[in-house]
Protein backbone atom coordinates (compact mmCIF):
# COMPACT_ATOMS: atom_id res chain seq x y z
CA SER A 1 1.39 2.57 11.43
CA VAL A 2 0.58 3.94 14.84
CA ALA A 3 -3.03 2.76 14.50
CA MET A 4 -1.92 -0.85 13.92
CA ALA A 5 0.43 -0.66 16.90
CA VAL A 6 -2.34 0.68 19.15
CA VAL A 7 -4.83 -1.97 18.01
CA SER A 8 -2.18 -4.65 18.53
CA ARG A 9 -1.69 -3.41 22.08
CA TRP A 10 -5.45 -3.51 22.72
CA LEU A 11 -5.47 -7.11 21.47
CA ASP A 12 -2.52 -8.01 23.76
CA ARG A 13 -0.09 -8.44 20.88
CA ASP A 14 3.48 -7.15 20.52
CA ALA A 15 4.25 -4.88 17.55
CA PHE A 16 7.79 -4.10 16.38
CA HIS A 17 9.25 -1.71 13.83
CA ALA A 18 10.51 -4.56 11.67
CA GLY A 19 9.84 -6.71 8.65
CA ALA A 20 9.55 -10.48 8.44
CA PHE A 21 9.99 -13.32 5.98
CA ILE A 22 9.40 -17.08 6.14
CA HIS A 23 12.28 -19.56 5.97
CA ARG A 24 11.94 -23.29 6.65
CA GLY A 25 8.43 -22.88 8.04
CA GLY A 26 9.26 -20.10 10.50
CA ALA A 27 9.23 -16.32 10.48
CA TRP A 28 12.41 -14.30 10.85
CA GLY A 29 11.98 -10.74 12.05
CA VAL A 30 14.22 -8.12 10.44
CA LEU A 31 14.87 -5.28 12.92
CA GLY A 32 16.86 -2.14 12.33
CA ALA A 33 17.02 1.58 12.26
CA ARG A 34 15.72 3.63 9.34
CA GLU A 35 17.79 3.01 6.19
CA ALA A 36 19.39 -0.15 7.64
CA GLY A 37 18.25 -2.05 4.55
CA LYS A 38 15.26 -3.93 5.98
CA SER A 39 12.94 -3.32 3.03
CA SER A 40 15.73 -3.84 0.49
CA LEU A 41 16.47 -7.25 1.99
CA LEU A 42 12.76 -8.13 2.01
CA GLY A 43 12.35 -6.92 -1.58
CA HIS A 44 15.25 -9.10 -2.69
CA LEU A 45 13.79 -12.10 -0.85
CA ALA A 46 10.32 -11.52 -2.33
CA SER A 47 11.79 -11.33 -5.84
CA ALA A 48 13.46 -14.69 -5.17
CA GLY A 49 10.11 -16.26 -4.25
CA ILE A 50 10.64 -16.27 -0.49
CA PRO A 51 7.41 -15.37 1.35
CA VAL A 52 7.49 -11.96 3.03
CA LEU A 53 5.02 -11.45 5.87
CA ALA A 54 5.52 -7.79 6.71
CA ASP A 55 7.59 -4.78 5.70
CA ASP A 56 7.46 -2.08 8.34
CA MET A 57 5.63 -3.60 11.30
CA VAL A 58 5.79 -7.09 12.72
CA VAL A 59 2.92 -8.12 14.97
CA VAL A 60 3.54 -11.18 17.14
CA ASP A 61 0.52 -12.99 18.56
CA SER A 62 0.96 -16.15 20.63
CA GLY A 63 4.42 -16.74 19.17
CA HIS A 64 3.32 -16.25 15.54
CA VAL A 65 4.08 -13.38 13.17
CA LEU A 66 0.87 -12.17 11.54
CA PRO A 67 0.88 -11.17 7.86
CA GLY A 68 1.02 -7.44 7.12
CA PRO A 69 -0.87 -5.43 4.49
CA GLY A 70 0.42 -7.34 1.44
CA PHE A 71 3.02 -4.95 0.05
CA LEU A 72 6.40 -3.45 0.83
CA ASP A 73 7.73 -0.02 -0.04
CA LEU A 74 11.21 0.63 -1.38
CA ARG A 75 13.34 3.73 -1.69
CA ALA A 76 14.50 4.84 -5.14
CA GLY A 77 17.94 3.20 -4.97
CA ALA A 78 16.60 -0.18 -3.90
CA ALA A 79 13.75 -0.12 -6.43
CA ASP A 80 16.23 0.67 -9.20
CA ALA A 81 18.84 -1.90 -8.11
CA LEU A 82 16.27 -4.65 -7.58
CA ARG A 83 14.15 -3.59 -10.57
CA LEU A 84 11.06 -3.83 -8.41
CA GLY A 85 8.09 -1.71 -7.53
CA ILE A 86 5.59 0.70 -8.93
CA ASP A 87 6.21 4.42 -8.38
CA ILE A 88 3.42 5.58 -6.05
CA GLY A 89 4.80 9.07 -5.54
CA VAL A 90 5.55 10.70 -2.22
CA VAL A 91 4.15 8.97 0.84
CA GLY A 92 5.10 10.61 4.10
CA SER A 93 8.33 12.43 3.39
CA ARG A 94 9.81 10.42 0.52
CA LYS A 95 9.08 8.85 -2.84
CA ARG A 96 8.23 5.18 -2.66
CA TRP A 97 8.04 2.24 -5.00
CA ARG A 98 5.43 -0.32 -3.95
CA VAL A 99 6.00 -4.06 -4.35
CA PRO A 100 2.96 -6.34 -4.01
CA LEU A 101 3.53 -9.44 -1.90
CA GLU A 102 2.09 -12.93 -2.24
CA ASP A 103 -0.33 -13.97 0.48
CA ALA A 104 1.43 -15.72 3.33
CA PRO A 105 -0.03 -17.41 6.42
CA PRO A 106 0.96 -16.54 9.99
CA ALA A 107 4.18 -18.31 10.92
CA PRO A 108 5.86 -19.17 14.21
CA ILE A 109 8.65 -16.74 15.04
CA HIS A 110 12.01 -18.51 14.71
CA GLY A 111 14.45 -15.65 15.23
CA TRP A 112 15.67 -12.12 14.56
CA ILE A 113 18.08 -10.52 12.11
CA LEU A 114 19.61 -7.08 12.65
CA PRO A 115 21.04 -5.74 9.36
CA GLN A 116 23.97 -3.35 9.68
CA TRP A 117 26.32 -1.73 7.20
CA GLY A 118 29.93 -2.81 7.52
CA ASP A 119 32.85 -4.45 5.77
CA GLY A 120 31.10 -7.85 5.75
CA PRO A 121 29.50 -9.90 4.63
CA GLU A 122 29.32 -11.63 7.97
CA VAL A 123 26.72 -13.01 10.34
CA VAL A 124 27.45 -12.85 14.06
CA PRO A 125 25.29 -13.81 17.03
CA VAL A 126 23.92 -11.02 19.21
CA ARG A 127 25.07 -11.41 22.81
CA PRO A 128 22.17 -12.43 25.08
CA GLY A 129 22.50 -9.29 27.21
CA LEU A 130 21.84 -7.06 24.18
CA ARG A 131 18.78 -8.88 22.85
CA VAL A 132 16.08 -7.56 25.21
CA PRO A 133 17.22 -3.92 24.81
CA LEU A 134 17.24 -4.31 21.01
CA LEU A 135 13.69 -5.66 21.04
CA PHE A 136 12.52 -2.91 23.42
CA ASP A 137 14.17 -0.29 21.18
CA ASN A 138 12.19 -1.63 18.22
CA LEU A 139 8.75 -1.78 19.86
CA SER A 140 6.26 0.23 17.80
CA LEU A 141 4.87 1.97 20.88
CA ILE A 142 7.23 3.64 23.31
CA THR A 143 5.45 2.28 26.35
CA ALA A 144 6.05 -0.85 28.34
CA PRO A 145 4.65 -3.91 26.60
CA PRO A 146 1.61 -5.49 28.24
CA ASN A 147 3.58 -8.64 29.07
CA PRO A 148 7.35 -8.01 29.34
CA SER A 149 8.05 -11.73 29.81
CA ARG A 150 7.02 -12.25 26.16
CA ILE A 151 9.85 -9.93 25.11
CA ILE A 152 12.26 -12.08 27.12
CA ASP A 153 10.88 -15.18 25.37
CA LEU A 154 11.35 -13.51 21.97
CA ALA A 155 14.91 -12.53 22.95
CA SER A 156 15.72 -16.18 23.68
CA LEU A 157 15.31 -17.05 19.98
CA PRO A 158 18.26 -17.05 17.57
CA PHE A 159 19.34 -13.43 17.07
CA VAL A 160 22.07 -12.38 14.63
CA VAL A 161 23.64 -9.25 13.17
CA TRP A 162 24.05 -9.40 9.41
CA ARG A 163 26.79 -7.01 8.25
CA ARG A 164 27.37 -6.22 4.60
CA PRO A 165 28.85 -3.45 2.48
CA LYS A 166 26.59 -0.55 1.50
CA ASP A 167 26.63 -1.23 -2.20
CA TRP A 168 24.68 -3.34 -4.61
């Protein structure tokens, strides 16, 4: 939400339109445009017992991803395919199915995943020159971050595109 992004800025934290999960002790941020499959991926991971930290906003503080509000929201197709979620009606402009998440502690950020639809499946590294612009494009506030060098540090982490077909 905009309020969380503003408060994060006041507290000198970086907030991204992204989700995050924990793998091997570290958080992986899942960036992407609307309908890129971020929440579907996170819902699948949560159903497999993998800790999910955040669904729609990732807040990074001192190199750690902070846990979000404890749920993720799915669209109808994902909720049906994954057999997850409770119908909570229309929130914003669309119907949503809410999936409660297990509590998870803050975790050090280990890298970024950018889901994209394609012929895949394939995982390819993001070229270093594209990483900073991708992170800037996914900042929750459209203003310069308080400490741009932190964005460069975050861009130095492993960063991959995950392509897969748009079907279940």
